[in-house]
Structures are given as C-alpha cells and as structure tokens.
Amino acid sequence: MKLDDSLAPSTCREVLVPNDWPSPAYQIVQGSEDIRLVSQSGRLSASATIRGLDSEGLCEIVLARINAERLENFRFSAWHTISKVERRCAKGVIKEKLFGRCRELLTDL
C-alpha cells in the first residue's frame, strides 16, 4: 500500500496465500487477519493471524516471507505457524524468549 500526502491510500496490493497452502479446515472465517509487516535482512516478511488452519477456528500465528511474483502480485512463501509454547510466551510468560525466537524464525525464512 502506498499513501499520498494526506495519508489516504493511493495504491494497494493483495498478498496471496502460498502455493502450498492447505484447504481450509475451518470454513466460517478464511484468510489472514492483523498482518504485521517486518523487514528482515532486506527481505519483506510478515506475521498474521489465521483461523482456517485449525478445525475449531482457533487463531494461529503464521510467520511468512512475502515474495513479489510480478509487480501486481505478492504471495506468502516459506510460511509456518508458531507453536503453542511460543504463543504462551506471547501471553507474557517469557516475552524475551518469544521475541528472540521470532528473530530466529524470521532469519531462517
């Protein structure tokens, strides 16, 4: 997305699901929510909340690299979910461990 001088969107692009994305296990809510972009070593990556991977629709956090196939298409790639242990860290049990692990995961993408 690009913003103009008044911070109104002037252009935006959809980020497509990975080519190896599984069929949704939960049909009611599909797609990604709360995407957070990260630049790591000059590569664009993101974290997102996904419900469709869990049969009960429970939120899972996905880390993924974003690849530009063509100027008009961006696609998640090299994706994986963060484990339940890492999610407990996000709730404040061991925050520094989570942030350290996220840095490692993004470096590995």
PDB file of N, CA and C in Angstrom:
ATOM      1  N   MET A   1       0.835  -1.161   0.000  1.00  0.00           N
ATOM      2  CA  MET A   1       0.000   0.000   0.000  1.00  0.00           C
ATOM      3  C   MET A   1       0.888   1.235   0.000  1.00  0.00           C
ATOM      4  N   LYS A   2       0.505   2.186  -0.802  1.00  0.00           N
ATOM      5  CA  LYS A   2       1.180   3.486  -0.787  1.00  0.00           C
ATOM      6  C   LYS A   2       0.166   4.522  -0.351  1.00  0.00           C
ATOM      7  N   LEU A   3       0.637   5.474   0.432  1.00  0.00           N
ATOM      8  CA  LEU A   3      -0.222   6.545   0.927  1.00  0.00           C
ATOM      9  C   LEU A   3       0.183   7.859   0.282  1.00  0.00           C
ATOM     10  N   ASP A   4      -0.817   8.705   0.034  1.00  0.00           N
ATOM     11  CA  ASP A   4      -0.496  10.023  -0.510  1.00  0.00           C
ATOM     12  C   ASP A   4      -0.142  10.969   0.638  1.00  0.00           C
ATOM     13  N   ASP A   5       0.066  12.240   0.322  1.00  0.00           N
ATOM     14  CA  ASP A   5       0.496  13.216   1.337  1.00  0.00           C
ATOM     15  C   ASP A   5      -0.512  13.393   2.476  1.00  0.00           C
ATOM     16  N   SER A   6      -1.786  13.115   2.209  1.00  0.00           N
ATOM     17  CA  SER A   6      -2.803  13.242   3.264  1.00  0.00           C
ATOM     18  C   SER A   6      -3.076  11.898   3.945  1.00  0.00           C
ATOM     19  N   LEU A   7      -2.193  10.912   3.691  1.00  0.00           N
ATOM     20  CA  LEU A   7      -2.259   9.573   4.268  1.00  0.00           C
ATOM     21  C   LEU A   7      -3.456   8.749   3.804  1.00  0.00           C
ATOM     22  N   ALA A   8      -4.023   9.124   2.670  1.00  0.00           N
ATOM     23  CA  ALA A   8      -5.076   8.319   2.056  1.00  0.00           C
ATOM     24  C   ALA A   8      -4.410   7.290   1.143  1.00  0.00           C
ATOM     25  N   PRO A   9      -4.938   6.058   1.087  1.00  0.00           N
ATOM     26  CA  PRO A   9      -4.325   5.046   0.218  1.00  0.00           C
ATOM     27  C   PRO A   9      -4.383   5.469  -1.248  1.00  0.00           C
ATOM     28  N   SER A  10      -3.246   5.422  -1.921  1.00  0.00           N
ATOM     29  CA  SER A  10      -3.222   5.732  -3.352  1.00  0.00           C
ATOM     30  C   SER A  10      -3.135   4.447  -4.178  1.00  0.00           C
ATOM     31  N   THR A  11      -2.457   3.438  -3.694  1.00  0.00           N
ATOM     32  CA  THR A  11      -2.417   2.119  -4.331  1.00  0.00           C
ATOM     33  C   THR A  11      -2.304   1.058  -3.241  1.00  0.00           C
ATOM     34  N   CYS A  12      -2.769  -0.117  -3.545  1.00  0.00           N
ATOM     35  CA  CYS A  12      -2.604  -1.233  -2.614  1.00  0.00           C
ATOM     36  C   CYS A  12      -2.560  -2.525  -3.414  1.00  0.00           C
ATOM     37  N   ARG A  13      -1.989  -3.561  -2.831  1.00  0.00           N
ATOM     38  CA  ARG A  13      -1.856  -4.863  -3.478  1.00  0.00           C
ATOM     39  C   ARG A  13      -2.282  -5.947  -2.497  1.00  0.00           C
ATOM     40  N   GLU A  14      -2.937  -6.949  -2.999  1.00  0.00           N
ATOM     41  CA  GLU A  14      -3.322  -8.097  -2.189  1.00  0.00           C
ATOM     42  C   GLU A  14      -2.125  -9.023  -2.023  1.00  0.00           C
ATOM     43  N   VAL A  15      -1.982  -9.596  -0.844  1.00  0.00           N
ATOM     44  CA  VAL A  15      -0.967 -10.620  -0.610  1.00  0.00           C
ATOM     45  C   VAL A  15      -1.684 -11.961  -0.695  1.00  0.00           C
ATOM     46  N   LEU A  16      -1.316 -12.770  -1.674  1.00  0.00           N
ATOM     47  CA  LEU A  16      -1.977 -14.052  -1.921  1.00  0.00           C
ATOM     48  C   LEU A  16      -1.444 -15.137  -0.999  1.00  0.00           C
ATOM     49  N   VAL A  17      -2.257 -16.172  -0.799  1.00  0.00           N
ATOM     50  CA  VAL A  17      -1.823 -17.299   0.033  1.00  0.00           C
ATOM     51  C   VAL A  17      -0.713 -18.057  -0.692  1.00  0.00           C
ATOM     52  N   PRO A  18       0.094 -18.810   0.056  1.00  0.00           N
ATOM     53  CA  PRO A  18       1.179 -19.570  -0.569  1.00  0.00           C
ATOM     54  C   PRO A  18       0.646 -20.630  -1.529  1.00  0.00           C
ATOM     55  N   ASN A  19       1.473 -21.025  -2.470  1.00  0.00           N
ATOM     56  CA  ASN A  19       1.086 -22.095  -3.393  1.00  0.00           C
ATOM     57  C   ASN A  19       0.833 -23.406  -2.664  1.00  0.00           C
ATOM     58  N   ASP A  20       1.518 -23.623  -1.538  1.00  0.00           N
ATOM     59  CA  ASP A  20       1.367 -24.870  -0.788  1.00  0.00           C
ATOM     60  C   ASP A  20       0.388 -24.744   0.380  1.00  0.00           C
ATOM     61  N   TRP A  21      -0.512 -23.756   0.335  1.00  0.00           N
ATOM     62  CA  TRP A  21      -1.478 -23.532   1.410  1.00  0.00           C
ATOM     63  C   TRP A  21      -2.507 -24.663   1.430  1.00  0.00           C
ATOM     64  N   PRO A  22      -2.783 -25.264   2.594  1.00  0.00           N
ATOM     65  CA  PRO A  22      -3.753 -26.359   2.655  1.00  0.00           C
ATOM     66  C   PRO A  22      -5.187 -25.852   2.507  1.00  0.00           C
ATOM     67  N   SER A  23      -6.088 -26.762   2.175  1.00  0.00           N
ATOM     68  CA  SER A  23      -7.511 -26.422   2.137  1.00  0.00           C
ATOM     69  C   SER A  23      -7.951 -26.024   3.537  1.00  0.00           C
ATOM     70  N   PRO A  24      -8.869 -25.066   3.653  1.00  0.00           N
ATOM     71  CA  PRO A  24      -9.285 -24.616   4.978  1.00  0.00           C
ATOM     72  C   PRO A  24      -9.902 -25.745   5.808  1.00  0.00           C
ATOM     73  N   ALA A  25      -9.455 -25.856   7.053  1.00  0.00           N
ATOM     74  CA  ALA A  25     -10.033 -26.825   7.984  1.00  0.00           C
ATOM     75  C   ALA A  25     -11.237 -26.210   8.690  1.00  0.00           C
ATOM     76  N   TYR A  26     -11.348 -24.894   8.644  1.00  0.00           N
ATOM     77  CA  TYR A  26     -12.440 -24.148   9.268  1.00  0.00           C
ATOM     78  C   TYR A  26     -13.002 -23.231   8.197  1.00  0.00           C
ATOM     79  N   GLN A  27     -14.271 -23.421   7.832  1.00  0.00           N
ATOM     80  CA  GLN A  27     -14.845 -22.732   6.678  1.00  0.00           C
ATOM     81  C   GLN A  27     -15.431 -21.355   6.986  1.00  0.00           C
ATOM     82  N   ILE A  28     -15.761 -21.095   8.251  1.00  0.00           N
ATOM     83  CA  ILE A  28     -16.503 -19.873   8.577  1.00  0.00           C
ATOM     84  C   ILE A  28     -15.657 -18.620   8.408  1.00  0.00           C
ATOM     85  N   VAL A  29     -14.412 -18.652   8.859  1.00  0.00           N
ATOM     86  CA  VAL A  29     -13.506 -17.498   8.720  1.00  0.00           C
ATOM     87  C   VAL A  29     -12.297 -17.953   7.923  1.00  0.00           C
ATOM     88  N   GLN A  30     -12.077 -17.328   6.772  1.00  0.00           N
ATOM     89  CA  GLN A  30     -10.933 -17.684   5.943  1.00  0.00           C
ATOM     90  C   GLN A  30     -10.103 -16.437   5.673  1.00  0.00           C
ATOM     91  N   GLY A  31      -8.841 -16.658   5.373  1.00  0.00           N
ATOM     92  CA  GLY A  31      -7.952 -15.540   5.094  1.00  0.00           C
ATOM     93  C   GLY A  31      -7.130 -15.170   6.308  1.00  0.00           C
ATOM     94  N   SER A  32      -6.372 -14.116   6.174  1.00  0.00           N
ATOM     95  CA  SER A  32      -5.483 -13.691   7.254  1.00  0.00           C
ATOM     96  C   SER A  32      -5.997 -12.390   7.867  1.00  0.00           C
ATOM     97  N   GLU A  33      -5.676 -12.216   9.140  1.00  0.00           N
ATOM     98  CA  GLU A  33      -6.069 -11.018   9.871  1.00  0.00           C
ATOM     99  C   GLU A  33      -4.833 -10.418  10.526  1.00  0.00           C
ATOM    100  N   ASP A  34      -4.882  -9.151  10.777  1.00  0.00           N
ATOM    101  CA  ASP A  34      -3.865  -8.468  11.573  1.00  0.00           C
ATOM    102  C   ASP A  34      -2.445  -8.732  11.061  1.00  0.00           C
ATOM    103  N   ILE A  35      -2.250  -8.518   9.762  1.00  0.00           N
ATOM    104  CA  ILE A  35      -0.931  -8.740   9.169  1.00  0.00           C
ATOM    105  C   ILE A  35       0.025  -7.646   9.641  1.00  0.00           C
ATOM    106  N   ARG A  36       1.188  -8.064  10.096  1.00  0.00           N
ATOM    107  CA  ARG A  36       2.226  -7.127  10.546  1.00  0.00           C
ATOM    108  C   ARG A  36       3.461  -7.334   9.681  1.00  0.00           C
ATOM    109  N   LEU A  37       3.848  -6.318   8.970  1.00  0.00           N
ATOM    110  CA  LEU A  37       4.996  -6.400   8.070  1.00  0.00           C
ATOM    111  C   LEU A  37       6.299  -6.186   8.825  1.00  0.00           C
ATOM    112  N   VAL A  38       7.317  -6.923   8.410  1.00  0.00           N
ATOM    113  CA  VAL A  38       8.636  -6.843   9.021  1.00  0.00           C
ATOM    114  C   VAL A  38       9.667  -6.885   7.911  1.00  0.00           C
ATOM    115  N   SER A  39      10.657  -6.030   7.981  1.00  0.00           N
ATOM    116  CA  SER A  39      11.778  -6.112   7.050  1.00  0.00           C
ATOM    117  C   SER A  39      12.932  -6.766   7.792  1.00  0.00           C
ATOM    118  N   GLN A  40      13.404  -7.879   7.277  1.00  0.00           N
ATOM    119  CA  GLN A  40      14.481  -8.637   7.916  1.00  0.00           C
ATOM    120  C   GLN A  40      15.562  -8.893   6.883  1.00  0.00           C
ATOM    121  N   SER A  41      16.724  -8.336   7.087  1.00  0.00           N
ATOM    122  CA  SER A  41      17.855  -8.511   6.165  1.00  0.00           C
ATOM    123  C   SER A  41      17.483  -8.146   4.738  1.00  0.00           C
ATOM    124  N   GLY A  42      16.705  -7.076   4.580  1.00  0.00           N
ATOM    125  CA  GLY A  42      16.327  -6.609   3.254  1.00  0.00           C
ATOM    126  C   GLY A  42      15.201  -7.388   2.614  1.00  0.00           C
ATOM    127  N   ARG A  43      14.645  -8.372   3.320  1.00  0.00           N
ATOM    128  CA  ARG A  43      13.523  -9.159   2.789  1.00  0.00           C
ATOM    129  C   ARG A  43      12.253  -8.793   3.542  1.00  0.00           C
ATOM    130  N   LEU A  44      11.136  -8.750   2.821  1.00  0.00           N
ATOM    131  CA  LEU A  44       9.852  -8.441   3.425  1.00  0.00           C
ATOM    132  C   LEU A  44       9.224  -9.724   3.948  1.00  0.00           C
ATOM    133  N   SER A  45       8.874  -9.710   5.233  1.00  0.00           N
ATOM    134  CA  SER A  45       8.212 -10.836   5.882  1.00  0.00           C
ATOM    135  C   SER A  45       7.007 -10.296   6.627  1.00  0.00           C
ATOM    136  N   ALA A  46       6.191 -11.206   7.169  1.00  0.00           N
ATOM    137  CA  ALA A  46       5.011 -10.780   7.906  1.00  0.00           C
ATOM    138  C   ALA A  46       4.604 -11.839   8.911  1.00  0.00           C
ATOM    139  N   SER A  47       3.884 -11.389   9.923  1.00  0.00           N
ATOM    140  CA  SER A  47       3.163 -12.308  10.798  1.00  0.00           C
ATOM    141  C   SER A  47       1.685 -12.005  10.581  1.00  0.00           C
ATOM    142  N   ALA A  48       0.862 -13.023  10.715  1.00  0.00           N
ATOM    143  CA  ALA A  48      -0.582 -12.852  10.527  1.00  0.00           C
ATOM    144  C   ALA A  48      -1.326 -13.850  11.399  1.00  0.00           C
ATOM    145  N   THR A  49      -2.549 -13.510  11.738  1.00  0.00           N
ATOM    146  CA  THR A  49      -3.416 -14.426  12.462  1.00  0.00           C
ATOM    147  C   THR A  49      -4.284 -15.153  11.447  1.00  0.00           C
ATOM    148  N   ILE A  50      -4.340 -16.477  11.576  1.00  0.00           N
ATOM    149  CA  ILE A  50      -5.087 -17.327  10.646  1.00  0.00           C
ATOM    150  C   ILE A  50      -6.007 -18.225  11.463  1.00  0.00           C
ATOM    151  N   ARG A  51      -7.265 -18.367  11.044  1.00  0.00           N
ATOM    152  CA  ARG A  51      -8.188 -19.287  11.713  1.00  0.00           C
ATOM    153  C   ARG A  51      -8.428 -20.553  10.893  1.00  0.00           C
ATOM    154  N   GLY A  52      -8.251 -20.481   9.620  1.00  0.00           N
ATOM    155  CA  GLY A  52      -8.617 -21.576   8.721  1.00  0.00           C
ATOM    156  C   GLY A  52      -7.779 -22.833   8.841  1.00  0.00           C
ATOM    157  N   LEU A  53      -6.632 -22.777   9.514  1.00  0.00           N
ATOM    158  CA  LEU A  53      -5.780 -23.964   9.640  1.00  0.00           C
ATOM    159  C   LEU A  53      -6.224 -24.881  10.768  1.00  0.00           C
ATOM    160  N   ASP A  54      -7.031 -24.371  11.701  1.00  0.00           N
ATOM    161  CA  ASP A  54      -7.480 -25.140  12.867  1.00  0.00           C
ATOM    162  C   ASP A  54      -8.946 -25.529  12.668  1.00  0.00           C
ATOM    163  N   SER A  55      -9.282 -26.795  12.883  1.00  0.00           N
ATOM    164  CA  SER A  55     -10.643 -27.277  12.621  1.00  0.00           C
ATOM    165  C   SER A  55     -11.695 -26.593  13.492  1.00  0.00           C
ATOM    166  N   GLU A  56     -11.301 -26.052  14.642  1.00  0.00           N
ATOM    167  CA  GLU A  56     -12.240 -25.343  15.514  1.00  0.00           C
ATOM    168  C   GLU A  56     -12.203 -23.831  15.286  1.00  0.00           C
ATOM    169  N   GLY A  57     -11.377 -23.378  14.378  1.00  0.00           N
ATOM    170  CA  GLY A  57     -11.288 -21.950  14.083  1.00  0.00           C
ATOM    171  C   GLY A  57     -10.491 -21.158  15.091  1.00  0.00           C
ATOM    172  N   LEU A  58      -9.669 -21.846  15.891  1.00  0.00           N
ATOM    173  CA  LEU A  58      -8.825 -21.134  16.848  1.00  0.00           C
ATOM    174  C   LEU A  58      -7.715 -20.395  16.108  1.00  0.00           C
ATOM    175  N   CYS A  59      -7.383 -19.225  16.589  1.00  0.00           N
ATOM    176  CA  CYS A  59      -6.350 -18.406  15.946  1.00  0.00           C
ATOM    177  C   CYS A  59      -4.987 -19.074  16.029  1.00  0.00           C
ATOM    178  N   GLU A  60      -4.271 -19.010  14.941  1.00  0.00           N
ATOM    179  CA  GLU A  60      -2.875 -19.422  14.909  1.00  0.00           C
ATOM    180  C   GLU A  60      -2.090 -18.273  14.298  1.00  0.00           C
ATOM    181  N   ILE A  61      -0.862 -18.125  14.742  1.00  0.00           N
ATOM    182  CA  ILE A  61       0.003 -17.082  14.201  1.00  0.00           C
ATOM    183  C   ILE A  61       0.914 -17.725  13.168  1.00  0.00           C
ATOM    184  N   VAL A  62       0.971 -17.110  12.005  1.00  0.00           N
ATOM    185  CA  VAL A  62       1.797 -17.599  10.911  1.00  0.00           C
ATOM    186  C   VAL A  62       2.892 -16.580  10.637  1.00  0.00           C
ATOM    187  N   LEU A  63       4.113 -17.063  10.474  1.00  0.00           N
ATOM    188  CA  LEU A  63       5.220 -16.231  10.001  1.00  0.00           C
ATOM    189  C   LEU A  63       5.490 -16.630   8.560  1.00  0.00           C
ATOM    190  N   ALA A  64       5.697 -15.650   7.692  1.00  0.00           N
ATOM    191  CA  ALA A  64       5.918 -15.955   6.281  1.00  0.00           C
ATOM    192  C   ALA A  64       6.753 -14.873   5.620  1.00  0.00           C
ATOM    193  N   ARG A  65       7.489 -15.281   4.609  1.00  0.00           N
ATOM    194  CA  ARG A  65       8.181 -14.326   3.749  1.00  0.00           C
ATOM    195  C   ARG A  65       7.172 -13.876   2.702  1.00  0.00           C
ATOM    196  N   ILE A  66       7.320 -12.669   2.182  1.00  0.00           N
ATOM    197  CA  ILE A  66       6.455 -12.179   1.111  1.00  0.00           C
ATOM    198  C   ILE A  66       7.293 -12.059  -0.145  1.00  0.00           C
ATOM    199  N   ASN A  67       6.892 -12.773  -1.173  1.00  0.00           N
ATOM    200  CA  ASN A  67       7.594 -12.729  -2.461  1.00  0.00           C
ATOM    201  C   ASN A  67       6.767 -11.941  -3.462  1.00  0.00           C
ATOM    202  N   ALA A  68       7.432 -11.155  -4.283  1.00  0.00           N
ATOM    203  CA  ALA A  68       6.773 -10.439  -5.370  1.00  0.00           C
ATOM    204  C   ALA A  68       6.971 -11.255  -6.637  1.00  0.00           C
ATOM    205  N   GLU A  69       5.888 -11.899  -7.099  1.00  0.00           N
ATOM    206  CA  GLU A  69       5.977 -12.692  -8.328  1.00  0.00           C
ATOM    207  C   GLU A  69       6.054 -11.778  -9.542  1.00  0.00           C
ATOM    208  N   ARG A  70       5.195 -10.797  -9.541  1.00  0.00           N
ATOM    209  CA  ARG A  70       5.203  -9.739 -10.550  1.00  0.00           C
ATOM    210  C   ARG A  70       4.851  -8.467  -9.797  1.00  0.00           C
ATOM    211  N   LEU A  71       4.950  -7.348 -10.401  1.00  0.00           N
ATOM    212  CA  LEU A  71       4.667  -6.094  -9.701  1.00  0.00           C
ATOM    213  C   LEU A  71       3.267  -6.067  -9.098  1.00  0.00           C
ATOM    214  N   GLU A  72       2.298  -6.745  -9.739  1.00  0.00           N
ATOM    215  CA  GLU A  72       0.929  -6.686  -9.226  1.00  0.00           C
ATOM    216  C   GLU A  72       0.593  -7.823  -8.265  1.00  0.00           C
ATOM    217  N   ASN A  73       1.477  -8.818  -8.114  1.00  0.00           N
ATOM    218  CA  ASN A  73       1.186  -9.960  -7.240  1.00  0.00           C
ATOM    219  C   ASN A  73       2.235 -10.140  -6.163  1.00  0.00           C
ATOM    220  N   PHE A  74       1.775 -10.242  -4.933  1.00  0.00           N
ATOM    221  CA  PHE A  74       2.629 -10.589  -3.813  1.00  0.00           C
ATOM    222  C   PHE A  74       2.067 -11.869  -3.210  1.00  0.00           C
ATOM    223  N   ARG A  75       2.932 -12.747  -2.741  1.00  0.00           N
ATOM    224  CA  ARG A  75       2.475 -14.027  -2.218  1.00  0.00           C
ATOM    225  C   ARG A  75       3.280 -14.413  -0.986  1.00  0.00           C
ATOM    226  N   PHE A  76       2.580 -14.931   0.047  1.00  0.00           N
ATOM    227  CA  PHE A  76       3.272 -15.507   1.190  1.00  0.00           C
ATOM    228  C   PHE A  76       4.050 -16.728   0.731  1.00  0.00           C
ATOM    229  N   SER A  77       5.230 -16.938   1.278  1.00  0.00           N
ATOM    230  CA  SER A  77       6.005 -18.146   0.990  1.00  0.00           C
ATOM    231  C   SER A  77       6.807 -18.494   2.235  1.00  0.00           C
ATOM    232  N   ALA A  78       7.438 -19.654   2.242  1.00  0.00           N
ATOM    233  CA  ALA A  78       8.267 -20.112   3.361  1.00  0.00           C
ATOM    234  C   ALA A  78       7.561 -19.860   4.687  1.00  0.00           C
ATOM    235  N   TRP A  79       6.322 -20.300   4.791  1.00  0.00           N
ATOM    236  CA  TRP A  79       5.497 -19.997   5.954  1.00  0.00           C
ATOM    237  C   TRP A  79       5.501 -21.148   6.955  1.00  0.00           C
ATOM    238  N   HIS A  80       5.220 -20.812   8.202  1.00  0.00           N
ATOM    239  CA  HIS A  80       4.988 -21.820   9.237  1.00  0.00           C
ATOM    240  C   HIS A  80       4.254 -21.171  10.407  1.00  0.00           C
ATOM    241  N   THR A  81       3.588 -22.005  11.189  1.00  0.00           N
ATOM    242  CA  THR A  81       2.858 -21.499  12.348  1.00  0.00           C
ATOM    243  C   THR A  81       3.783 -21.467  13.555  1.00  0.00           C
ATOM    244  N   ILE A  82       3.466 -20.574  14.476  1.00  0.00           N
ATOM    245  CA  ILE A  82       4.193 -20.507  15.738  1.00  0.00           C
ATOM    246  C   ILE A  82       3.552 -21.517  16.683  1.00  0.00           C
ATOM    247  N   SER A  83       4.345 -22.285  17.375  1.00  0.00           N
ATOM    248  CA  SER A  83       3.841 -23.353  18.235  1.00  0.00           C
ATOM    249  C   SER A  83       3.088 -22.803  19.443  1.00  0.00           C
ATOM    250  N   LYS A  84       2.322 -23.686  20.090  1.00  0.00           N
ATOM    251  CA  LYS A  84       1.580 -23.298  21.286  1.00  0.00           C
ATOM    252  C   LYS A  84       2.513 -22.826  22.393  1.00  0.00           C
ATOM    253  N   VAL A  85       3.692 -23.405  22.506  1.00  0.00           N
ATOM    254  CA  VAL A  85       4.658 -22.965  23.519  1.00  0.00           C
ATOM    255  C   VAL A  85       5.034 -21.518  23.261  1.00  0.00           C
ATOM    256  N   GLU A  86       5.305 -21.194  22.018  1.00  0.00           N
ATOM    257  CA  GLU A  86       5.677 -19.821  21.677  1.00  0.00           C
ATOM    258  C   GLU A  86       4.500 -18.877  21.898  1.00  0.00           C
ATOM    259  N   ARG A  87       3.248 -19.346  21.687  1.00  0.00           N
ATOM    260  CA  ARG A  87       2.092 -18.497  21.945  1.00  0.00           C
ATOM    261  C   ARG A  87       1.949 -18.201  23.429  1.00  0.00           C
ATOM    262  N   ARG A  88       2.265 -19.169  24.288  1.00  0.00           N
ATOM    263  CA  ARG A  88       2.229 -18.909  25.732  1.00  0.00           C
ATOM    264  C   ARG A  88       3.239 -17.823  26.084  1.00  0.00           C
ATOM    265  N   CYS A  89       4.364 -17.831  25.413  1.00  0.00           N
ATOM    266  CA  CYS A  89       5.360 -16.780  25.647  1.00  0.00           C
ATOM    267  C   CYS A  89       4.757 -15.419  25.309  1.00  0.00           C
ATOM    268  N   ALA A  90       3.966 -15.361  24.252  1.00  0.00           N
ATOM    269  CA  ALA A  90       3.365 -14.102  23.833  1.00  0.00           C
ATOM    270  C   ALA A  90       2.408 -13.566  24.882  1.00  0.00           C
ATOM    271  N   LYS A  91       1.853 -14.444  25.707  1.00  0.00           N
ATOM    272  CA  LYS A  91       0.934 -14.000  26.751  1.00  0.00           C
ATOM    273  C   LYS A  91       1.681 -13.452  27.952  1.00  0.00           C
ATOM    274  N   GLY A  92       2.993 -13.388  27.890  1.00  0.00           N
ATOM    275  CA  GLY A  92       3.747 -12.740  28.936  1.00  0.00           C
ATOM    276  C   GLY A  92       4.533 -13.671  29.827  1.00  0.00           C
ATOM    277  N   VAL A  93       4.474 -14.982  29.589  1.00  0.00           N
ATOM    278  CA  VAL A  93       5.205 -15.905  30.447  1.00  0.00           C
ATOM    279  C   VAL A  93       6.700 -15.665  30.301  1.00  0.00           C
ATOM    280  N   ILE A  94       7.183 -15.664  29.053  1.00  0.00           N
ATOM    281  CA  ILE A  94       8.614 -15.439  28.803  1.00  0.00           C
ATOM    282  C   ILE A  94       8.716 -14.593  27.538  1.00  0.00           C
ATOM    283  N   LYS A  95       8.381 -13.315  27.626  1.00  0.00           N
ATOM    284  CA  LYS A  95       8.327 -12.457  26.439  1.00  0.00           C
ATOM    285  C   LYS A  95       9.661 -12.403  25.695  1.00  0.00           C
ATOM    286  N   GLU A  96      10.749 -12.272  26.397  1.00  0.00           N
ATOM    287  CA  GLU A  96      12.037 -12.141  25.714  1.00  0.00           C
ATOM    288  C   GLU A  96      12.336 -13.391  24.907  1.00  0.00           C
ATOM    289  N   LYS A  97      11.952 -14.556  25.415  1.00  0.00           N
ATOM    290  CA  LYS A  97      12.171 -15.787  24.657  1.00  0.00           C
ATOM    291  C   LYS A  97      11.399 -15.737  23.344  1.00  0.00           C
ATOM    292  N   LEU A  98      10.161 -15.267  23.376  1.00  0.00           N
ATOM    293  CA  LEU A  98       9.364 -15.180  22.156  1.00  0.00           C
ATOM    294  C   LEU A  98      10.021 -14.259  21.150  1.00  0.00           C
ATOM    295  N   PHE A  99      10.401 -13.052  21.612  1.00  0.00           N
ATOM    296  CA  PHE A  99      10.988 -12.106  20.669  1.00  0.00           C
ATOM    297  C   PHE A  99      12.297 -12.645  20.106  1.00  0.00           C
ATOM    298  N   GLY A 100      13.079 -13.297  20.942  1.00  0.00           N
ATOM    299  CA  GLY A 100      14.302 -13.918  20.446  1.00  0.00           C
ATOM    300  C   GLY A 100      13.997 -15.002  19.443  1.00  0.00           C
ATOM    301  N   ARG A 101      12.987 -15.825  19.718  1.00  0.00           N
ATOM    302  CA  ARG A 101      12.611 -16.906  18.796  1.00  0.00           C
ATOM    303  C   ARG A 101      12.060 -16.336  17.491  1.00  0.00           C
ATOM    304  N   CYS A 102      11.253 -15.275  17.563  1.00  0.00           N
ATOM    305  CA  CYS A 102      10.733 -14.661  16.337  1.00  0.00           C
ATOM    306  C   CYS A 102      11.871 -14.145  15.467  1.00  0.00           C
ATOM    307  N   ARG A 103      12.870 -13.547  16.103  1.00  0.00           N
ATOM    308  CA  ARG A 103      14.026 -13.079  15.327  1.00  0.00           C
ATOM    309  C   ARG A 103      14.709 -14.248  14.637  1.00  0.00           C
ATOM    310  N   GLU A 104      14.855 -15.380  15.360  1.00  0.00           N
ATOM    311  CA  GLU A 104      15.465 -16.570  14.746  1.00  0.00           C
ATOM    312  C   GLU A 104      14.621 -17.081  13.586  1.00  0.00           C
ATOM    313  N   LEU A 105      13.292 -17.154  13.785  1.00  0.00           N
ATOM    314  CA  LEU A 105      12.421 -17.678  12.727  1.00  0.00           C
ATOM    315  C   LEU A 105      12.461 -16.788  11.495  1.00  0.00           C
ATOM    316  N   LEU A 106      12.427 -15.466  11.694  1.00  0.00           N
ATOM    317  CA  LEU A 106      12.469 -14.558  10.548  1.00  0.00           C
ATOM    318  C   LEU A 106      13.808 -14.660   9.830  1.00  0.00           C
ATOM    319  N   THR A 107      14.870 -14.862  10.568  1.00  0.00           N
ATOM    320  CA  THR A 107      16.181 -15.007   9.954  1.00  0.00           C
ATOM    321  C   THR A 107      16.227 -16.273   9.103  1.00  0.00           C
ATOM    322  N   ASP A 108      15.520 -17.319   9.550  1.00  0.00           N
ATOM    323  CA  ASP A 108      15.510 -18.597   8.834  1.00  0.00           C
ATOM    324  C   ASP A 108      14.638 -18.578   7.590  1.00  0.00           C
ATOM    325  N   LEU A 109      13.712 -17.615   7.464  1.00  0.00           N
ATOM    326  CA  LEU A 109      12.796 -17.596   6.311  1.00  0.00           C
ATOM    327  C   LEU A 109      13.538 -17.398   5.012  1.00  0.00           C
TER     328      LEU A 109
END
